[in-house]
Amino acid sequence: MHLSIRHTTRYRFSQPVIHGLQRLRLTPKATQGQKIIDWTVEYEAAHEELCYEDQNCNTVTLIAVEKGATEVLVTCTGTIHTDDSAGVIGHHAGHLPLWAFLGQTPLTKPGSRIRHLAAVASRSGDGTLEVLHNLSQLIGDAVTYGAGATSVGTSAEEAMAAGQGVCQDHAHIFIAAARQLDIPARYVSGYLLMDDRVEQDATHAWAEAFVDELGWVGFDISNGISPDPRYVRLATGRDYRDAAPVTGITFGGASEELIVKLAVEQQFAQQ
């Protein structure tokens, strides 16, 4: 499948910026099941300072906001070819050892609710893969999807207690529970081709767990499936903070407004 993507991120500042840096993870991964056909990133009122590969093999671009800017625009456009691998990414690669994905972070540290969830899931199947699929379903049943109930700083245990969250929360709870069961797990940010619309309000997120006989396997808890050709992987990490599409700091801008516009559609070959 060929997916055409246009992703714009607009920052509006209440006062002119004195100094600002943004860290972008907005270049899709060249990995199993996905190939970059073309991809460009353009900036208005900012310029690229450095591009490098981080410890998770994510392409990271640092951009500097121009002094005095009151608005910054980052526009990503491109085409990605995807294959159906039933969510299986395969062998582990990267600069971090596999055991690094067993350690909890502040966003994934489990409390009593997640420890109980993990215990229930561990008794629900005969093998690791079945347990993980059952864990995904248990989370979907326990935490309904709803925007506004959580923020990017909400931990997995807090979202579990609230019983409501978004894809980021679902992924964090899954990661927390999987690590509680001594299964390496990681966070994935990316794009998803929706069935009912092209225009979207945000990027998507899901989780991957390492299964001995298969390698890394994806689980989209919010949609109750493993990723298929409609999914594009942008970045991976131990939690959201490692894989966030855009993070940064500014001085002199007082407050900021973030506006995201995203369009993902299938590109059909011309006859």
C-alpha atoms as a PDB file:
ATOM      1  CA  MET A   1       0.000   0.000   0.000  1.00  0.00           C
ATOM      2  CA  HIS A   2       1.186   3.535  -0.797  1.00  0.00           C
ATOM      3  CA  LEU A   3       0.214   6.152   1.796  1.00  0.00           C
ATOM      4  CA  SER A   4       0.368   9.871   1.058  1.00  0.00           C
ATOM      5  CA  ILE A   5       0.932  12.010   4.172  1.00  0.00           C
ATOM      6  CA  ARG A   6       0.843  15.734   4.860  1.00  0.00           C
ATOM      7  CA  HIS A   7       1.518  16.811   8.437  1.00  0.00           C
ATOM      8  CA  THR A   8       1.716  20.453   9.541  1.00  0.00           C
ATOM      9  CA  THR A   9       2.586  21.701  13.013  1.00  0.00           C
ATOM     10  CA  ARG A  10       2.016  25.389  13.695  1.00  0.00           C
ATOM     11  CA  TYR A  11       3.201  27.190  16.835  1.00  0.00           C
ATOM     12  CA  ARG A  12       1.757  30.616  17.634  1.00  0.00           C
ATOM     13  CA  PHE A  13       3.464  32.620  20.392  1.00  0.00           C
ATOM     14  CA  SER A  14       1.828  35.392  22.375  1.00  0.00           C
ATOM     15  CA  GLN A  15       5.106  37.362  22.328  1.00  0.00           C
ATOM     16  CA  PRO A  16       8.172  37.308  20.047  1.00  0.00           C
ATOM     17  CA  VAL A  17      10.555  34.445  20.783  1.00  0.00           C
ATOM     18  CA  ILE A  18      14.015  35.302  22.075  1.00  0.00           C
ATOM     19  CA  HIS A  19      15.408  31.783  21.733  1.00  0.00           C
ATOM     20  CA  GLY A  20      13.807  28.457  20.847  1.00  0.00           C
ATOM     21  CA  LEU A  21      14.819  24.910  19.984  1.00  0.00           C
ATOM     22  CA  GLN A  22      12.555  22.127  18.785  1.00  0.00           C
ATOM     23  CA  ARG A  23      13.377  18.424  18.615  1.00  0.00           C
ATOM     24  CA  LEU A  24      11.546  16.702  15.760  1.00  0.00           C
ATOM     25  CA  ARG A  25      11.009  12.987  15.264  1.00  0.00           C
ATOM     26  CA  LEU A  26       9.029  13.408  12.071  1.00  0.00           C
ATOM     27  CA  THR A  27      10.914  11.187   9.615  1.00  0.00           C
ATOM     28  CA  PRO A  28       9.397   7.698   9.231  1.00  0.00           C
ATOM     29  CA  LYS A  29      11.594   4.720   9.960  1.00  0.00           C
ATOM     30  CA  ALA A  30      13.054   2.672   7.119  1.00  0.00           C
ATOM     31  CA  THR A  31      12.202  -0.675   8.645  1.00  0.00           C
ATOM     32  CA  GLN A  32      10.591  -4.027   7.960  1.00  0.00           C
ATOM     33  CA  GLY A  33       7.189  -3.585   6.375  1.00  0.00           C
ATOM     34  CA  GLN A  34       7.710   0.054   5.432  1.00  0.00           C
ATOM     35  CA  LYS A  35       9.764   1.899   2.804  1.00  0.00           C
ATOM     36  CA  ILE A  36      10.170   5.654   2.344  1.00  0.00           C
ATOM     37  CA  ILE A  37       9.368   6.605  -1.249  1.00  0.00           C
ATOM     38  CA  ASP A  38       9.857  10.326  -0.678  1.00  0.00           C
ATOM     39  CA  TRP A  39       9.820  12.571   2.393  1.00  0.00           C
ATOM     40  CA  THR A  40      10.483  16.290   2.863  1.00  0.00           C
ATOM     41  CA  VAL A  41      10.356  18.580   5.885  1.00  0.00           C
ATOM     42  CA  GLU A  42      10.061  22.353   5.408  1.00  0.00           C
ATOM     43  CA  TYR A  43      10.199  25.179   7.944  1.00  0.00           C
ATOM     44  CA  GLU A  44       8.909  28.717   8.225  1.00  0.00           C
ATOM     45  CA  ALA A  45      10.543  31.024  10.823  1.00  0.00           C
ATOM     46  CA  ALA A  46      12.945  28.220  11.801  1.00  0.00           C
ATOM     47  CA  HIS A  47      15.975  26.443  10.368  1.00  0.00           C
ATOM     48  CA  GLU A  48      17.681  23.087  10.815  1.00  0.00           C
ATOM     49  CA  GLU A  49      20.652  22.979  13.167  1.00  0.00           C
ATOM     50  CA  LEU A  50      21.448  19.267  13.363  1.00  0.00           C
ATOM     51  CA  CYS A  51      20.144  15.882  12.256  1.00  0.00           C
ATOM     52  CA  TYR A  52      21.185  12.643  13.937  1.00  0.00           C
ATOM     53  CA  GLU A  53      20.082   9.107  14.820  1.00  0.00           C
ATOM     54  CA  ASP A  54      19.264   8.576  18.494  1.00  0.00           C
ATOM     55  CA  GLN A  55      19.643   5.502  20.698  1.00  0.00           C
ATOM     56  CA  ASN A  56      16.345   4.089  19.373  1.00  0.00           C
ATOM     57  CA  CYS A  57      17.358   4.492  15.706  1.00  0.00           C
ATOM     58  CA  ASN A  58      14.946   7.413  15.345  1.00  0.00           C
ATOM     59  CA  THR A  59      15.873  10.210  12.957  1.00  0.00           C
ATOM     60  CA  VAL A  60      15.977  13.346  15.115  1.00  0.00           C
ATOM     61  CA  THR A  61      16.168  16.874  13.705  1.00  0.00           C
ATOM     62  CA  LEU A  62      16.961  19.882  15.883  1.00  0.00           C
ATOM     63  CA  ILE A  63      15.603  23.180  14.587  1.00  0.00           C
ATOM     64  CA  ALA A  64      16.182  26.686  15.899  1.00  0.00           C
ATOM     65  CA  VAL A  65      13.349  29.184  16.030  1.00  0.00           C
ATOM     66  CA  GLU A  66      14.261  32.525  14.480  1.00  0.00           C
ATOM     67  CA  LYS A  67      14.628  35.349  16.968  1.00  0.00           C
ATOM     68  CA  GLY A  68      11.545  37.541  17.063  1.00  0.00           C
ATOM     69  CA  ALA A  69       9.255  34.907  15.526  1.00  0.00           C
ATOM     70  CA  THR A  70       5.638  34.883  16.638  1.00  0.00           C
ATOM     71  CA  GLU A  71       4.701  31.843  14.547  1.00  0.00           C
ATOM     72  CA  VAL A  72       6.577  28.724  13.388  1.00  0.00           C
ATOM     73  CA  LEU A  73       5.360  26.247  10.794  1.00  0.00           C
ATOM     74  CA  VAL A  74       6.779  22.755  10.198  1.00  0.00           C
ATOM     75  CA  THR A  75       5.398  20.924   7.155  1.00  0.00           C
ATOM     76  CA  CYS A  76       6.100  17.251   6.404  1.00  0.00           C
ATOM     77  CA  THR A  77       4.994  15.662   3.147  1.00  0.00           C
ATOM     78  CA  GLY A  78       5.758  12.350   1.550  1.00  0.00           C
ATOM     79  CA  THR A  79       4.808   8.889   0.415  1.00  0.00           C
ATOM     80  CA  ILE A  80       5.412   5.663   2.320  1.00  0.00           C
ATOM     81  CA  HIS A  81       5.044   2.120   0.993  1.00  0.00           C
ATOM     82  CA  THR A  82       3.770  -0.367   3.563  1.00  0.00           C
ATOM     83  CA  ASP A  83       3.393  -4.155   3.569  1.00  0.00           C
ATOM     84  CA  ASP A  84       1.243  -6.421   5.692  1.00  0.00           C
ATOM     85  CA  SER A  85       3.444  -8.210   8.225  1.00  0.00           C
ATOM     86  CA  ALA A  86       0.639  -8.888  10.739  1.00  0.00           C
ATOM     87  CA  GLY A  87       2.265  -6.435  13.117  1.00  0.00           C
ATOM     88  CA  VAL A  88       5.560  -8.338  13.257  1.00  0.00           C
ATOM     89  CA  ILE A  89       8.622  -6.076  13.021  1.00  0.00           C
ATOM     90  CA  GLY A  90      11.116  -8.846  13.722  1.00  0.00           C
ATOM     91  CA  HIS A  91      14.556  -8.980  15.285  1.00  0.00           C
ATOM     92  CA  HIS A  92      15.824  -6.370  17.707  1.00  0.00           C
ATOM     93  CA  ALA A  93      18.064  -3.648  16.292  1.00  0.00           C
ATOM     94  CA  GLY A  94      19.380  -0.418  17.707  1.00  0.00           C
ATOM     95  CA  HIS A  95      21.886   0.973  20.143  1.00  0.00           C
ATOM     96  CA  LEU A  96      19.951  -0.032  23.265  1.00  0.00           C
ATOM     97  CA  PRO A  97      20.086  -3.650  24.487  1.00  0.00           C
ATOM     98  CA  LEU A  98      16.828  -5.535  24.734  1.00  0.00           C
ATOM     99  CA  TRP A  99      16.903  -5.488  28.534  1.00  0.00           C
ATOM    100  CA  ALA A 100      16.618  -1.674  28.449  1.00  0.00           C
ATOM    101  CA  PHE A 101      12.951  -2.162  27.510  1.00  0.00           C
ATOM    102  CA  LEU A 102      12.249  -4.089  30.706  1.00  0.00           C
ATOM    103  CA  GLY A 103      12.874  -1.135  33.013  1.00  0.00           C
ATOM    104  CA  GLN A 104       9.948   1.058  34.007  1.00  0.00           C
ATOM    105  CA  THR A 105       9.939   4.837  33.540  1.00  0.00           C
ATOM    106  CA  PRO A 106       7.994   7.519  35.454  1.00  0.00           C
ATOM    107  CA  LEU A 107       5.264   7.311  32.796  1.00  0.00           C
ATOM    108  CA  THR A 108       4.992   3.503  32.927  1.00  0.00           C
ATOM    109  CA  LYS A 109       5.702   2.692  36.582  1.00  0.00           C
ATOM    110  CA  PRO A 110       2.893   0.329  37.639  1.00  0.00           C
ATOM    111  CA  GLY A 111       0.785   0.686  40.729  1.00  0.00           C
ATOM    112  CA  SER A 112      -1.649  -1.783  42.264  1.00  0.00           C
ATOM    113  CA  ARG A 113      -4.164  -1.544  39.385  1.00  0.00           C
ATOM    114  CA  ILE A 114      -1.658  -2.341  36.645  1.00  0.00           C
ATOM    115  CA  ARG A 115       0.004  -5.067  38.710  1.00  0.00           C
ATOM    116  CA  HIS A 116      -3.427  -6.685  39.118  1.00  0.00           C
ATOM    117  CA  LEU A 117      -4.099  -6.298  35.389  1.00  0.00           C
ATOM    118  CA  ALA A 118      -0.784  -7.975  34.570  1.00  0.00           C
ATOM    119  CA  ALA A 119      -1.563 -10.848  36.929  1.00  0.00           C
ATOM    120  CA  VAL A 120      -4.951 -11.417  35.293  1.00  0.00           C
ATOM    121  CA  ALA A 121      -3.420 -11.318  31.821  1.00  0.00           C
ATOM    122  CA  SER A 122      -0.664 -13.771  32.792  1.00  0.00           C
ATOM    123  CA  ARG A 123      -3.301 -16.397  33.610  1.00  0.00           C
ATOM    124  CA  SER A 124      -5.300 -15.811  30.435  1.00  0.00           C
ATOM    125  CA  GLY A 125      -3.225 -17.650  27.827  1.00  0.00           C
ATOM    126  CA  ASP A 126      -0.797 -20.496  27.214  1.00  0.00           C
ATOM    127  CA  GLY A 127       1.908 -18.522  25.409  1.00  0.00           C
ATOM    128  CA  THR A 128       3.409 -15.034  25.412  1.00  0.00           C
ATOM    129  CA  LEU A 129       1.655 -13.914  22.232  1.00  0.00           C
ATOM    130  CA  GLU A 130      -1.781 -15.004  23.469  1.00  0.00           C
ATOM    131  CA  VAL A 131      -1.199 -13.318  26.828  1.00  0.00           C
ATOM    132  CA  LEU A 132      -0.259 -10.058  25.094  1.00  0.00           C
ATOM    133  CA  HIS A 133      -3.330 -10.097  22.858  1.00  0.00           C
ATOM    134  CA  ASN A 134      -5.490 -10.756  25.910  1.00  0.00           C
ATOM    135  CA  LEU A 135      -3.727  -7.938  27.778  1.00  0.00           C
ATOM    136  CA  SER A 136      -4.569  -5.555  24.944  1.00  0.00           C
ATOM    137  CA  GLN A 137      -8.229  -6.510  25.166  1.00  0.00           C
ATOM    138  CA  LEU A 138      -8.295  -6.196  28.962  1.00  0.00           C
ATOM    139  CA  ILE A 139      -6.919  -2.648  28.706  1.00  0.00           C
ATOM    140  CA  GLY A 140      -9.425  -1.704  26.029  1.00  0.00           C
ATOM    141  CA  ASP A 141     -12.244  -2.944  28.252  1.00  0.00           C
ATOM    142  CA  ALA A 142     -10.948  -1.170  31.372  1.00  0.00           C
ATOM    143  CA  VAL A 143      -9.936   2.195  29.872  1.00  0.00           C
ATOM    144  CA  THR A 144     -12.359   3.742  27.406  1.00  0.00           C
ATOM    145  CA  TYR A 145     -11.084   6.021  24.679  1.00  0.00           C
ATOM    146  CA  GLY A 146     -11.833   9.658  25.404  1.00  0.00           C
ATOM    147  CA  ALA A 147      -9.944  12.845  24.632  1.00  0.00           C
ATOM    148  CA  GLY A 148      -9.410  15.454  27.331  1.00  0.00           C
ATOM    149  CA  ALA A 149      -9.302  13.182  30.369  1.00  0.00           C
ATOM    150  CA  THR A 150      -5.489  12.938  30.364  1.00  0.00           C
ATOM    151  CA  SER A 151      -2.425  14.890  29.224  1.00  0.00           C
ATOM    152  CA  VAL A 152       1.014  14.018  27.869  1.00  0.00           C
ATOM    153  CA  GLY A 153       2.258  13.915  31.464  1.00  0.00           C
ATOM    154  CA  THR A 154      -0.357  11.430  32.699  1.00  0.00           C
ATOM    155  CA  SER A 155       1.187   8.176  33.890  1.00  0.00           C
ATOM    156  CA  ALA A 156      -0.087   4.716  33.028  1.00  0.00           C
ATOM    157  CA  GLU A 157      -1.356   4.123  36.574  1.00  0.00           C
ATOM    158  CA  GLU A 158      -3.168   7.482  36.618  1.00  0.00           C
ATOM    159  CA  ALA A 159      -4.911   6.685  33.319  1.00  0.00           C
ATOM    160  CA  MET A 160      -5.827   3.244  34.625  1.00  0.00           C
ATOM    161  CA  ALA A 161      -7.369   4.820  37.720  1.00  0.00           C
ATOM    162  CA  ALA A 162      -9.304   7.333  35.602  1.00  0.00           C
ATOM    163  CA  GLY A 163     -10.683   4.580  33.390  1.00  0.00           C
ATOM    164  CA  GLN A 164     -10.396   6.860  30.385  1.00  0.00           C
ATOM    165  CA  GLY A 165      -7.620   7.990  28.081  1.00  0.00           C
ATOM    166  CA  VAL A 166      -6.241   8.192  24.563  1.00  0.00           C
ATOM    167  CA  CYS A 167      -3.894   6.040  22.500  1.00  0.00           C
ATOM    168  CA  GLN A 168      -0.856   7.284  24.439  1.00  0.00           C
ATOM    169  CA  ASP A 169      -2.413   6.095  27.715  1.00  0.00           C
ATOM    170  CA  HIS A 170      -3.394   2.717  26.270  1.00  0.00           C
ATOM    171  CA  ALA A 171       0.164   2.214  25.036  1.00  0.00           C
ATOM    172  CA  HIS A 172       1.704   3.188  28.384  1.00  0.00           C
ATOM    173  CA  ILE A 173      -0.568   0.835  30.336  1.00  0.00           C
ATOM    174  CA  PHE A 174       0.250  -2.030  27.966  1.00  0.00           C
ATOM    175  CA  ILE A 175       3.992  -1.317  28.248  1.00  0.00           C
ATOM    176  CA  ALA A 176       3.809  -1.107  32.045  1.00  0.00           C
ATOM    177  CA  ALA A 177       1.950  -4.415  32.338  1.00  0.00           C
ATOM    178  CA  ALA A 178       4.159  -6.214  29.809  1.00  0.00           C
ATOM    179  CA  ARG A 179       7.311  -5.149  31.656  1.00  0.00           C
ATOM    180  CA  GLN A 180       5.686  -6.261  34.918  1.00  0.00           C
ATOM    181  CA  LEU A 181       5.513  -9.702  33.241  1.00  0.00           C
ATOM    182  CA  ASP A 182       9.215  -9.479  32.244  1.00  0.00           C
ATOM    183  CA  ILE A 183       8.359  -8.922  28.579  1.00  0.00           C
ATOM    184  CA  PRO A 184      10.326  -6.133  26.849  1.00  0.00           C
ATOM    185  CA  ALA A 185       7.965  -3.473  25.527  1.00  0.00           C
ATOM    186  CA  ARG A 186       8.273  -0.090  23.819  1.00  0.00           C
ATOM    187  CA  TYR A 187       6.220   2.892  22.675  1.00  0.00           C
ATOM    188  CA  VAL A 188       5.576   3.732  19.002  1.00  0.00           C
ATOM    189  CA  SER A 189       4.453   7.038  17.504  1.00  0.00           C
ATOM    190  CA  GLY A 190       3.232   7.180  13.941  1.00  0.00           C
ATOM    191  CA  TYR A 191       0.474   7.676  11.426  1.00  0.00           C
ATOM    192  CA  LEU A 192      -2.695   5.694  10.770  1.00  0.00           C
ATOM    193  CA  LEU A 193      -4.869   5.676   7.668  1.00  0.00           C
ATOM    194  CA  MET A 194      -8.414   6.077   8.997  1.00  0.00           C
ATOM    195  CA  ASP A 195     -11.330   4.284   7.361  1.00  0.00           C
ATOM    196  CA  ASP A 196     -13.770   7.160   7.667  1.00  0.00           C
ATOM    197  CA  ARG A 197     -11.712  10.313   7.012  1.00  0.00           C
ATOM    198  CA  VAL A 198      -8.518  11.753   5.561  1.00  0.00           C
ATOM    199  CA  GLU A 199      -8.129  14.785   7.841  1.00  0.00           C
ATOM    200  CA  GLN A 200      -7.023  14.059  11.425  1.00  0.00           C
ATOM    201  CA  ASP A 201      -6.239  16.040  14.557  1.00  0.00           C
ATOM    202  CA  ALA A 202      -3.131  14.207  15.780  1.00  0.00           C
ATOM    203  CA  THR A 203      -0.637  11.444  15.190  1.00  0.00           C
ATOM    204  CA  HIS A 204      -1.305   7.953  16.532  1.00  0.00           C
ATOM    205  CA  ALA A 205       0.455   5.783  19.117  1.00  0.00           C
ATOM    206  CA  TRP A 206       0.643   2.084  19.908  1.00  0.00           C
ATOM    207  CA  ALA A 207       2.989  -0.397  21.592  1.00  0.00           C
ATOM    208  CA  GLU A 208       5.334  -3.193  20.625  1.00  0.00           C
ATOM    209  CA  ALA A 209       6.390  -6.183  22.731  1.00  0.00           C
ATOM    210  CA  PHE A 210       9.219  -8.624  22.166  1.00  0.00           C
ATOM    211  CA  VAL A 211       8.160 -12.229  21.640  1.00  0.00           C
ATOM    212  CA  ASP A 212      11.025 -14.739  21.517  1.00  0.00           C
ATOM    213  CA  GLU A 213       9.895 -16.661  18.463  1.00  0.00           C
ATOM    214  CA  LEU A 214       8.829 -13.584  16.475  1.00  0.00           C
ATOM    215  CA  GLY A 215      10.790 -10.541  17.649  1.00  0.00           C
ATOM    216  CA  TRP A 216       9.001  -7.199  18.056  1.00  0.00           C
ATOM    217  CA  VAL A 217       5.220  -7.389  17.570  1.00  0.00           C
ATOM    218  CA  GLY A 218       2.858  -4.397  17.453  1.00  0.00           C
ATOM    219  CA  PHE A 219      -0.364  -3.944  19.436  1.00  0.00           C
ATOM    220  CA  ASP A 220      -2.762  -1.062  18.821  1.00  0.00           C
ATOM    221  CA  ILE A 221      -4.727  -1.212  22.036  1.00  0.00           C
ATOM    222  CA  SER A 222      -7.056   1.666  21.119  1.00  0.00           C
ATOM    223  CA  ASN A 223      -8.297  -0.159  18.019  1.00  0.00           C
ATOM    224  CA  GLY A 224      -7.913  -3.707  19.306  1.00  0.00           C
ATOM    225  CA  ILE A 225      -5.702  -4.917  16.444  1.00  0.00           C
ATOM    226  CA  SER A 226      -2.100  -5.455  15.454  1.00  0.00           C
ATOM    227  CA  PRO A 227      -0.794  -2.847  12.979  1.00  0.00           C
ATOM    228  CA  ASP A 228      -1.436  -3.549   9.306  1.00  0.00           C
ATOM    229  CA  PRO A 229      -0.476  -1.672   6.085  1.00  0.00           C
ATOM    230  CA  ARG A 230      -2.470   1.382   7.223  1.00  0.00           C
ATOM    231  CA  TYR A 231       0.186   2.136   9.867  1.00  0.00           C
ATOM    232  CA  VAL A 232       3.405   4.147   9.469  1.00  0.00           C
ATOM    233  CA  ARG A 233       6.040   4.014  12.234  1.00  0.00           C
ATOM    234  CA  LEU A 234       7.694   7.362  13.017  1.00  0.00           C
ATOM    235  CA  ALA A 235       9.646   6.761  16.221  1.00  0.00           C
ATOM    236  CA  THR A 236      10.050   4.263  19.048  1.00  0.00           C
ATOM    237  CA  GLY A 237      11.253   4.518  22.636  1.00  0.00           C
ATOM    238  CA  ARG A 238      10.814   3.431  26.227  1.00  0.00           C
ATOM    239  CA  ASP A 239       7.799   5.756  26.542  1.00  0.00           C
ATOM    240  CA  TYR A 240       6.180   8.821  24.950  1.00  0.00           C
ATOM    241  CA  ARG A 241       9.062  11.101  25.885  1.00  0.00           C
ATOM    242  CA  ASP A 242      11.493   9.025  23.812  1.00  0.00           C
ATOM    243  CA  ALA A 243       9.246   8.990  20.766  1.00  0.00           C
ATOM    244  CA  ALA A 244       7.292  12.276  20.846  1.00  0.00           C
ATOM    245  CA  PRO A 245       7.009  13.747  17.325  1.00  0.00           C
ATOM    246  CA  VAL A 246       7.773  17.294  18.558  1.00  0.00           C
ATOM    247  CA  THR A 247       9.315  18.543  21.799  1.00  0.00           C
ATOM    248  CA  GLY A 248      11.200  21.725  22.595  1.00  0.00           C
ATOM    249  CA  ILE A 249      11.846  24.823  24.643  1.00  0.00           C
ATOM    250  CA  THR A 250      11.354  28.527  23.962  1.00  0.00           C
ATOM    251  CA  PHE A 251      12.295  31.716  25.799  1.00  0.00           C
ATOM    252  CA  GLY A 252      10.533  35.024  25.362  1.00  0.00           C
ATOM    253  CA  GLY A 253       7.402  33.601  23.757  1.00  0.00           C
ATOM    254  CA  ALA A 254       5.337  33.742  26.969  1.00  0.00           C
ATOM    255  CA  SER A 255       2.650  31.241  25.969  1.00  0.00           C
ATOM    256  CA  GLU A 256       2.106  29.203  22.841  1.00  0.00           C
ATOM    257  CA  GLU A 257      -0.735  27.690  20.854  1.00  0.00           C
ATOM    258  CA  LEU A 258      -0.158  24.447  18.979  1.00  0.00           C
ATOM    259  CA  ILE A 259      -2.202  23.639  15.891  1.00  0.00           C
ATOM    260  CA  VAL A 260      -1.757  20.284  14.163  1.00  0.00           C
ATOM    261  CA  LYS A 261      -3.210  19.341  10.795  1.00  0.00           C
ATOM    262  CA  LEU A 262      -2.708  15.853   9.437  1.00  0.00           C
ATOM    263  CA  ALA A 263      -3.918  14.156   6.274  1.00  0.00           C
ATOM    264  CA  VAL A 264      -3.282  10.469   5.537  1.00  0.00           C
ATOM    265  CA  GLU A 265      -4.718   8.868   2.426  1.00  0.00           C
ATOM    266  CA  GLN A 266      -4.066   5.898   0.207  1.00  0.00           C
ATOM    267  CA  GLN A 267      -2.328   6.679  -3.058  1.00  0.00           C
ATOM    268  CA  PHE A 268      -3.523   4.575  -5.949  1.00  0.00           C
ATOM    269  CA  ALA A 269      -1.399   3.860  -9.015  1.00  0.00           C
ATOM    270  CA  GLN A 270      -2.477   5.730 -12.120  1.00  0.00           C
ATOM    271  CA  GLN A 271      -3.727   3.603 -14.961  1.00  0.00           C
END
